[in-house]
Amino acid sequence: MELLLLLVNAAACGAISLALLWAILSPRVHDGVVIKVGLICMALGFGAIAVRLLGDQGSSQEFAVLKALAVVNAGIAIVIVGYVLRKVRRQHPVRRSTDWGELDTQPHQERGVES
């Protein structure tokens, strides 16, 4: 029963890692740099857990799994920070310099700028 539980956990962590890798590499997922770094950390952490659970059962396994969980938790924290930053920026009235393009109605020569 313990072996079955170990295999199920390893398979689940491996599947989560593969799903995160798909999200990282897919052009359909629109994420920023901060969120992508968090997803990479989570994918590495879940992959390390899966490999470590399938590896030899030694006394150092517990510490290795704890280190991998720390990487997963760091990735989750980074994704949350990236999500919050994205939401804060979305509320900002001036998001990019092209938003001011509509106000620029004078030709370049009239403003004293030669092209």
N, C-alpha and C. Protein backbone atom coordinates (compact mmCIF):
# COMPACT_ATOMS: atom_id res chain seq x y z
N MET A 1 0.81 -1.19 0.00
CA MET A 1 0.00 0.00 0.00
C MET A 1 0.86 1.26 0.00
N GLU A 2 1.95 1.23 0.73
CA GLU A 2 2.84 2.38 0.77
C GLU A 2 3.49 2.61 -0.59
N LEU A 3 3.85 1.54 -1.29
CA LEU A 3 4.45 1.67 -2.61
C LEU A 3 3.45 2.26 -3.60
N LEU A 4 2.19 1.85 -3.52
CA LEU A 4 1.16 2.38 -4.40
C LEU A 4 0.97 3.88 -4.17
N LEU A 5 0.93 4.29 -2.91
CA LEU A 5 0.80 5.69 -2.58
C LEU A 5 1.99 6.50 -3.10
N LEU A 6 3.17 5.93 -2.97
CA LEU A 6 4.39 6.57 -3.46
C LEU A 6 4.33 6.75 -4.97
N LEU A 7 3.89 5.72 -5.69
CA LEU A 7 3.81 5.79 -7.15
C LEU A 7 2.74 6.79 -7.61
N VAL A 8 1.61 6.82 -6.92
CA VAL A 8 0.55 7.77 -7.27
C VAL A 8 1.03 9.21 -7.06
N ASN A 9 1.70 9.45 -5.95
CA ASN A 9 2.23 10.79 -5.68
C ASN A 9 3.29 11.18 -6.70
N ALA A 10 4.16 10.27 -7.05
CA ALA A 10 5.20 10.56 -8.04
C ALA A 10 4.58 10.84 -9.40
N ALA A 11 3.56 10.06 -9.78
CA ALA A 11 2.89 10.29 -11.07
C ALA A 11 2.17 11.63 -11.08
N ALA A 12 1.52 11.98 -9.98
CA ALA A 12 0.82 13.25 -9.90
C ALA A 12 1.79 14.43 -9.99
N CYS A 13 2.89 14.34 -9.28
CA CYS A 13 3.89 15.42 -9.33
C CYS A 13 4.49 15.52 -10.73
N GLY A 14 4.72 14.40 -11.37
CA GLY A 14 5.24 14.41 -12.74
C GLY A 14 4.25 15.02 -13.71
N ALA A 15 2.96 14.69 -13.55
CA ALA A 15 1.94 15.26 -14.42
C ALA A 15 1.80 16.77 -14.21
N ILE A 16 1.87 17.20 -12.97
CA ILE A 16 1.81 18.64 -12.69
C ILE A 16 3.01 19.35 -13.30
N SER A 17 4.17 18.73 -13.19
CA SER A 17 5.38 19.32 -13.77
C SER A 17 5.26 19.44 -15.28
N LEU A 18 4.73 18.41 -15.94
CA LEU A 18 4.55 18.47 -17.39
C LEU A 18 3.52 19.53 -17.79
N ALA A 19 2.45 19.65 -17.01
CA ALA A 19 1.45 20.67 -17.30
C ALA A 19 2.03 22.08 -17.15
N LEU A 20 2.86 22.26 -16.14
CA LEU A 20 3.50 23.56 -15.96
C LEU A 20 4.49 23.84 -17.08
N LEU A 21 5.21 22.82 -17.54
CA LEU A 21 6.12 23.00 -18.67
C LEU A 21 5.35 23.40 -19.92
N TRP A 22 4.18 22.80 -20.13
CA TRP A 22 3.35 23.19 -21.27
C TRP A 22 2.95 24.66 -21.15
N ALA A 23 2.55 25.08 -19.95
CA ALA A 23 2.14 26.48 -19.75
C ALA A 23 3.31 27.44 -19.98
N ILE A 24 4.51 27.01 -19.62
CA ILE A 24 5.69 27.86 -19.80
C ILE A 24 6.01 28.01 -21.28
N LEU A 25 5.95 26.93 -22.02
CA LEU A 25 6.38 26.93 -23.42
C LEU A 25 5.28 27.30 -24.41
N SER A 26 4.03 27.29 -24.00
CA SER A 26 2.92 27.53 -24.91
C SER A 26 2.77 29.02 -25.21
N PRO A 27 2.63 29.36 -26.49
CA PRO A 27 2.38 30.77 -26.82
C PRO A 27 0.95 31.20 -26.50
N ARG A 28 0.07 30.27 -26.21
CA ARG A 28 -1.31 30.60 -25.89
C ARG A 28 -1.46 31.12 -24.47
N VAL A 29 -0.51 30.86 -23.61
CA VAL A 29 -0.56 31.34 -22.23
C VAL A 29 0.18 32.68 -22.18
N HIS A 30 -0.55 33.75 -21.90
CA HIS A 30 0.03 35.09 -21.87
C HIS A 30 0.40 35.45 -20.43
N ASP A 31 1.66 35.22 -20.11
CA ASP A 31 2.15 35.54 -18.78
C ASP A 31 3.36 36.44 -18.91
N GLY A 32 3.64 37.17 -17.86
CA GLY A 32 4.79 38.06 -17.88
C GLY A 32 6.03 37.34 -17.41
N VAL A 33 7.10 38.09 -17.29
CA VAL A 33 8.38 37.53 -16.89
C VAL A 33 8.32 37.01 -15.45
N VAL A 34 7.69 37.76 -14.57
CA VAL A 34 7.64 37.37 -13.16
C VAL A 34 6.84 36.08 -13.00
N ILE A 35 5.69 36.00 -13.64
CA ILE A 35 4.86 34.80 -13.53
C ILE A 35 5.56 33.61 -14.17
N LYS A 36 6.27 33.84 -15.28
CA LYS A 36 6.98 32.74 -15.93
C LYS A 36 8.09 32.19 -15.03
N VAL A 37 8.79 33.05 -14.32
CA VAL A 37 9.82 32.59 -13.38
C VAL A 37 9.19 31.74 -12.28
N GLY A 38 8.04 32.17 -11.78
CA GLY A 38 7.34 31.39 -10.77
C GLY A 38 6.90 30.03 -11.30
N LEU A 39 6.40 29.99 -12.52
CA LEU A 39 6.00 28.72 -13.12
C LEU A 39 7.20 27.79 -13.33
N ILE A 40 8.33 28.36 -13.70
CA ILE A 40 9.54 27.56 -13.86
C ILE A 40 9.96 26.95 -12.52
N CYS A 41 9.93 27.76 -11.46
CA CYS A 41 10.27 27.23 -10.13
C CYS A 41 9.33 26.10 -9.73
N MET A 42 8.05 26.28 -9.98
CA MET A 42 7.08 25.25 -9.62
C MET A 42 7.31 23.97 -10.43
N ALA A 43 7.58 24.12 -11.73
CA ALA A 43 7.82 22.95 -12.58
C ALA A 43 9.06 22.20 -12.13
N LEU A 44 10.12 22.93 -11.81
CA LEU A 44 11.35 22.29 -11.33
C LEU A 44 11.11 21.59 -9.99
N GLY A 45 10.37 22.24 -9.11
CA GLY A 45 10.11 21.65 -7.80
C GLY A 45 9.28 20.38 -7.89
N PHE A 46 8.20 20.41 -8.67
CA PHE A 46 7.37 19.21 -8.82
C PHE A 46 8.13 18.11 -9.55
N GLY A 47 8.94 18.47 -10.53
CA GLY A 47 9.76 17.47 -11.22
C GLY A 47 10.76 16.83 -10.28
N ALA A 48 11.38 17.64 -9.42
CA ALA A 48 12.34 17.10 -8.46
C ALA A 48 11.67 16.17 -7.46
N ILE A 49 10.46 16.54 -7.05
CA ILE A 49 9.73 15.66 -6.12
C ILE A 49 9.42 14.33 -6.79
N ALA A 50 8.97 14.37 -8.05
CA ALA A 50 8.63 13.13 -8.76
C ALA A 50 9.85 12.23 -8.91
N VAL A 51 10.97 12.83 -9.31
CA VAL A 51 12.20 12.03 -9.48
C VAL A 51 12.67 11.48 -8.14
N ARG A 52 12.59 12.30 -7.12
CA ARG A 52 13.08 11.87 -5.81
C ARG A 52 12.20 10.77 -5.21
N LEU A 53 10.89 10.84 -5.46
CA LEU A 53 10.01 9.79 -4.94
C LEU A 53 10.24 8.46 -5.66
N LEU A 54 10.62 8.52 -6.92
CA LEU A 54 10.88 7.29 -7.67
C LEU A 54 12.29 6.77 -7.44
N GLY A 55 13.16 7.59 -6.86
CA GLY A 55 14.54 7.19 -6.62
C GLY A 55 14.68 6.27 -5.42
N ASP A 56 15.91 6.06 -5.02
CA ASP A 56 16.17 5.18 -3.88
C ASP A 56 15.63 5.79 -2.59
N GLN A 57 15.19 4.95 -1.72
CA GLN A 57 14.60 5.39 -0.45
C GLN A 57 15.69 5.44 0.61
N GLY A 58 16.24 6.61 0.83
CA GLY A 58 17.29 6.76 1.83
C GLY A 58 16.91 7.81 2.85
N SER A 59 17.81 8.04 3.75
CA SER A 59 17.53 9.02 4.80
C SER A 59 17.60 10.45 4.26
N SER A 60 18.33 10.64 3.16
CA SER A 60 18.44 11.99 2.61
C SER A 60 17.24 12.35 1.73
N GLN A 61 16.36 11.39 1.48
CA GLN A 61 15.21 11.66 0.62
C GLN A 61 14.29 12.69 1.24
N GLU A 62 14.08 12.60 2.54
CA GLU A 62 13.17 13.54 3.20
C GLU A 62 13.66 14.97 3.06
N PHE A 63 14.96 15.17 3.25
CA PHE A 63 15.52 16.52 3.13
C PHE A 63 15.45 17.01 1.69
N ALA A 64 15.67 16.11 0.72
CA ALA A 64 15.59 16.49 -0.69
C ALA A 64 14.16 16.88 -1.07
N VAL A 65 13.19 16.15 -0.56
CA VAL A 65 11.79 16.48 -0.84
C VAL A 65 11.43 17.81 -0.18
N LEU A 66 11.95 18.07 1.00
CA LEU A 66 11.70 19.35 1.66
C LEU A 66 12.30 20.51 0.87
N LYS A 67 13.49 20.32 0.31
CA LYS A 67 14.09 21.36 -0.53
C LYS A 67 13.26 21.59 -1.79
N ALA A 68 12.78 20.50 -2.39
CA ALA A 68 11.94 20.64 -3.59
C ALA A 68 10.63 21.34 -3.25
N LEU A 69 10.05 21.05 -2.11
CA LEU A 69 8.83 21.74 -1.68
C LEU A 69 9.09 23.23 -1.44
N ALA A 70 10.28 23.56 -0.97
CA ALA A 70 10.62 24.97 -0.79
C ALA A 70 10.67 25.68 -2.14
N VAL A 71 11.17 24.99 -3.17
CA VAL A 71 11.20 25.58 -4.52
C VAL A 71 9.77 25.75 -5.05
N VAL A 72 8.91 24.77 -4.80
CA VAL A 72 7.51 24.88 -5.22
C VAL A 72 6.84 26.05 -4.51
N ASN A 73 7.05 26.18 -3.22
CA ASN A 73 6.45 27.27 -2.45
C ASN A 73 6.97 28.63 -2.91
N ALA A 74 8.26 28.71 -3.23
CA ALA A 74 8.82 29.95 -3.75
C ALA A 74 8.17 30.29 -5.10
N GLY A 75 7.96 29.28 -5.93
CA GLY A 75 7.31 29.50 -7.22
C GLY A 75 5.88 29.99 -7.06
N ILE A 76 5.17 29.43 -6.11
CA ILE A 76 3.80 29.88 -5.84
C ILE A 76 3.80 31.33 -5.38
N ALA A 77 4.74 31.68 -4.50
CA ALA A 77 4.82 33.06 -4.02
C ALA A 77 5.16 34.02 -5.16
N ILE A 78 6.06 33.62 -6.04
CA ILE A 78 6.43 34.48 -7.17
C ILE A 78 5.25 34.67 -8.12
N VAL A 79 4.50 33.61 -8.38
CA VAL A 79 3.31 33.72 -9.24
C VAL A 79 2.28 34.66 -8.62
N ILE A 80 2.09 34.57 -7.32
CA ILE A 80 1.14 35.46 -6.65
C ILE A 80 1.59 36.91 -6.75
N VAL A 81 2.88 37.15 -6.54
CA VAL A 81 3.41 38.52 -6.66
C VAL A 81 3.24 39.02 -8.09
N GLY A 82 3.53 38.18 -9.08
CA GLY A 82 3.36 38.58 -10.47
C GLY A 82 1.91 38.88 -10.82
N TYR A 83 1.00 38.10 -10.28
CA TYR A 83 -0.43 38.32 -10.52
C TYR A 83 -0.87 39.65 -9.91
N VAL A 84 -0.42 39.92 -8.68
CA VAL A 84 -0.78 41.18 -8.02
C VAL A 84 -0.20 42.37 -8.78
N LEU A 85 1.06 42.26 -9.21
CA LEU A 85 1.67 43.34 -9.99
C LEU A 85 0.91 43.58 -11.29
N ARG A 86 0.48 42.52 -11.93
CA ARG A 86 -0.28 42.65 -13.18
C ARG A 86 -1.62 43.33 -12.93
N LYS A 87 -2.29 42.99 -11.84
CA LYS A 87 -3.57 43.61 -11.52
C LYS A 87 -3.40 45.09 -11.16
N VAL A 88 -2.33 45.42 -10.45
CA VAL A 88 -2.09 46.82 -10.07
C VAL A 88 -1.79 47.64 -11.32
N ARG A 89 -0.98 47.11 -12.22
CA ARG A 89 -0.66 47.84 -13.44
C ARG A 89 -1.88 48.01 -14.34
N ARG A 90 -2.77 47.06 -14.33
CA ARG A 90 -3.96 47.13 -15.17
C ARG A 90 -4.86 48.28 -14.72
N GLN A 91 -4.85 48.61 -13.45
CA GLN A 91 -5.68 49.70 -12.94
C GLN A 91 -5.08 51.07 -13.20
N HIS A 92 -3.80 51.10 -13.57
CA HIS A 92 -3.11 52.36 -13.79
C HIS A 92 -3.64 53.03 -15.06
N PRO A 93 -3.90 54.35 -15.03
CA PRO A 93 -4.50 55.00 -16.20
C PRO A 93 -3.57 55.06 -17.42
N VAL A 94 -2.27 55.16 -17.23
CA VAL A 94 -1.32 55.22 -18.34
C VAL A 94 -0.50 53.94 -18.32
N ARG A 95 -0.81 53.05 -19.24
CA ARG A 95 -0.16 51.75 -19.23
C ARG A 95 1.01 51.68 -20.18
N ARG A 96 0.99 52.44 -21.27
CA ARG A 96 2.09 52.39 -22.23
C ARG A 96 2.15 53.73 -22.95
N SER A 97 3.26 54.00 -23.59
CA SER A 97 3.45 55.31 -24.22
C SER A 97 2.53 55.52 -25.40
N THR A 98 2.06 54.48 -26.04
CA THR A 98 1.16 54.64 -27.19
C THR A 98 -0.21 55.14 -26.77
N ASP A 99 -0.54 55.10 -25.49
CA ASP A 99 -1.81 55.65 -25.03
C ASP A 99 -1.87 57.16 -25.25
N TRP A 100 -0.69 57.81 -25.31
CA TRP A 100 -0.64 59.25 -25.48
C TRP A 100 -0.64 59.63 -26.96
N GLY A 101 -0.63 58.67 -27.86
CA GLY A 101 -0.56 58.95 -29.29
C GLY A 101 -1.74 59.75 -29.81
N GLU A 102 -2.92 59.59 -29.25
CA GLU A 102 -4.10 60.31 -29.70
C GLU A 102 -3.99 61.81 -29.40
N LEU A 103 -3.25 62.18 -28.38
CA LEU A 103 -3.12 63.59 -28.02
C LEU A 103 -2.15 64.33 -28.93
N ASP A 104 -1.33 63.61 -29.64
CA ASP A 104 -0.32 64.20 -30.51
C ASP A 104 -0.94 64.44 -31.88
N THR A 105 -1.59 65.58 -32.05
CA THR A 105 -2.30 65.85 -33.30
C THR A 105 -1.56 66.80 -34.21
N GLN A 106 -0.56 67.55 -33.70
CA GLN A 106 0.18 68.50 -34.53
C GLN A 106 1.25 67.77 -35.33
N PRO A 107 1.47 68.23 -36.55
CA PRO A 107 2.57 67.65 -37.32
C PRO A 107 3.91 68.01 -36.70
N HIS A 108 4.93 67.27 -37.04
CA HIS A 108 6.25 67.48 -36.47
C HIS A 108 6.83 68.86 -36.79
N GLN A 109 6.61 69.38 -37.99
CA GLN A 109 7.22 70.63 -38.40
C GLN A 109 6.63 71.82 -37.67
N GLU A 110 5.38 71.78 -37.32
CA GLU A 110 4.75 72.89 -36.61
C GLU A 110 5.23 73.00 -35.17
N ARG A 111 5.66 71.89 -34.59
CA ARG A 111 6.11 71.91 -33.20
C ARG A 111 7.58 72.30 -33.10
N GLY A 112 8.24 72.51 -34.20
CA GLY A 112 9.64 72.87 -34.13
C GLY A 112 10.56 71.68 -34.21
N VAL A 113 10.06 70.51 -34.47
CA VAL A 113 10.87 69.31 -34.59
C VAL A 113 10.97 68.98 -36.07
N GLU A 114 12.18 68.95 -36.57
CA GLU A 114 12.35 68.63 -37.99
C GLU A 114 12.58 67.14 -38.14
N SER A 115 12.00 66.59 -39.20
CA SER A 115 12.15 65.16 -39.42
C SER A 115 13.21 64.86 -40.44
